[in-house]
Amino acid sequence: MKKPHIWAGIIGIGIIALNIYQGAKFIANPTDLPAVNVALSVTYLLWIALGIFLVALFLKGKHREELNDTTISLVPNSPEDIQRLSNQRRYIFVFVLLITMIGSTQVWILNNYTAGRTLINASVIFDLLFNAILFYFLIQLLRNKHDVLKNFLYAIVIYSIGSMIFLALMEHWYTAVMTIFFAFYFAFAIKAPLNRKNSRLAHLVILPVLIVLSMATPFLENAELRALSKEAQLLEQQFLNDSATVGTAYQLMLQKERPTEVDVRNVIDAKENFDTRVEEVVSNLDQLQIEFEKQLPNVAQKQVIRRSDYFREIFALSQEQANKVEEMAELIRLIDFNNFTKSEQEKIVALKLEVDTYTTQIIETQSRLNNANLVY
C-alpha cells in the first residue's frame, strides 16, 4: 500500500494537470458573463493551488523519508505511531476543508447579495461567514496548534446544523443529510481513540464513501432540472425545424409568379405550428428558470439563464418575422395577379424587406449566442 505522502503527490499532480487543461480550454472560450468568468478563473486557480499544496506535502514526506531510517517500522499504536496518525489526520482535515471551500467559491462569487432577505441569500452569507471561521481553524491545523481539534469540532457541529436547516428549508434533503454525515465523520475521527484501526475506518472507509455519495448529489437532487434541460434542448431543435419550415414555405411561395391557394395555406399552416412550438419552448424556459431560482447560484445556472435570454430574444424576433410572413401570405391570397397593381407590388416589396431585416437580426443574435460559449 502506498504511503500517504505518495498518494498526496499523485492526487496533487492529477489535480494540477486536469485544471490546467480545463483552465486553458476556458481561457480559449470564455463566456459572455463576467461574473461567471471570474468564478471559473478563481476556481481553477484554487484547484491548482490545492494541487501544489499536495505536491508540497509529497516533497516534505519524501525529504523526511530520506532523513530517517525507512527500514525501521513503527510499532502499531506506539506513541510515535499515534503522533504519525495525528499528523495524517490534521492534513486530511485540511484537505477536506479546502475541497469544500473551493466547491463553495462559485456560489460566493455569483450570489446576488443585494437580493435582500431571501432564503438563498441568508444561506450563502451563513456559509461564507462560517467558512471564514473554518479557514481560521484550517490555519491552526496546519500550525499544529494544541487543543485546536476540540473547538474545531464545535464549529463543525454548529456549521452542520445551520447548513442542514437552510438546506432543508430549500428542500435540498439529500445534501442536508450528507452534511450531517460529514459532521459525523469529523466527530468520529476526532473523538474515537486514535489508533490504526479507527484511523483507517475514518479516513479510508467513511471519508471515501461520503465523497462518492457527495458526487451523486447532482443526479439525486436535480432530477427535475435535468429533465427540463433535456426537454429544452429537444424543444429548441424542434423550434429551429419549425422556423425552417416556415422559411421554406415562404420562399416557395415567393418563387412562383402566381402563388396558389395551396402555397398560401402551406405558409399559414407552418406559421400556426410555429406559434404552438414557441409557446411550448417559452413555457419550458419559464419552468426551467423557476427551478434554477430555487438553487444556490452556480455557473450552470447562470449559463442556462443567459442562454434562455438569448433564445427569448430569438423567439421574439422569429415570431415578429413569422407574423410578417403570414401577413404576406394573406396579402397574396387577396391579389388578383391578372390585375396586379403597383400599390400591391410595393406592399409585397416592403413586407419582403421587413422579413429580410428580421432574418439579419436573428442571424446576429444567433451568432452572439454561439460566441457566448453557453451550455446546458
Foldseek 3Di string as FASTA:
>chain_A
DDDPLVVLLVVLVVQQVVLVVVVVVCVVAPFPDVLLNVLSVVLSVLSNVSSVVSNVSSVVVVVVPVVDDPVDDDDFPDPVNLVVLLLVVLVVVLSVLSVVVSVCSQLLSPDDCPPPPDLLNVLNVLVVVLSVVLVVLNVCSVVVPPPSLVVNLVSLVVSLVVNLVSCVVLVLNLVNVLSVLVSVLSCQSPVPPRGPVSSCCSPVPSVVVSVVSVVCSCVVRVVVLVVLQVVLVVLVVVLVVLLVQLVVLLVVQVVDLQRDPVSLVSNVVSLVVNVVSLVVNVVSLVVNLVVLVSDRDHSLNVLSVVLVVLVVVLSVLSNVLSVLSNVLSVLSVPDDSVCHDPVSVVSNVVSVVSSVVSVVVNVVSVVSSVSSPGDD
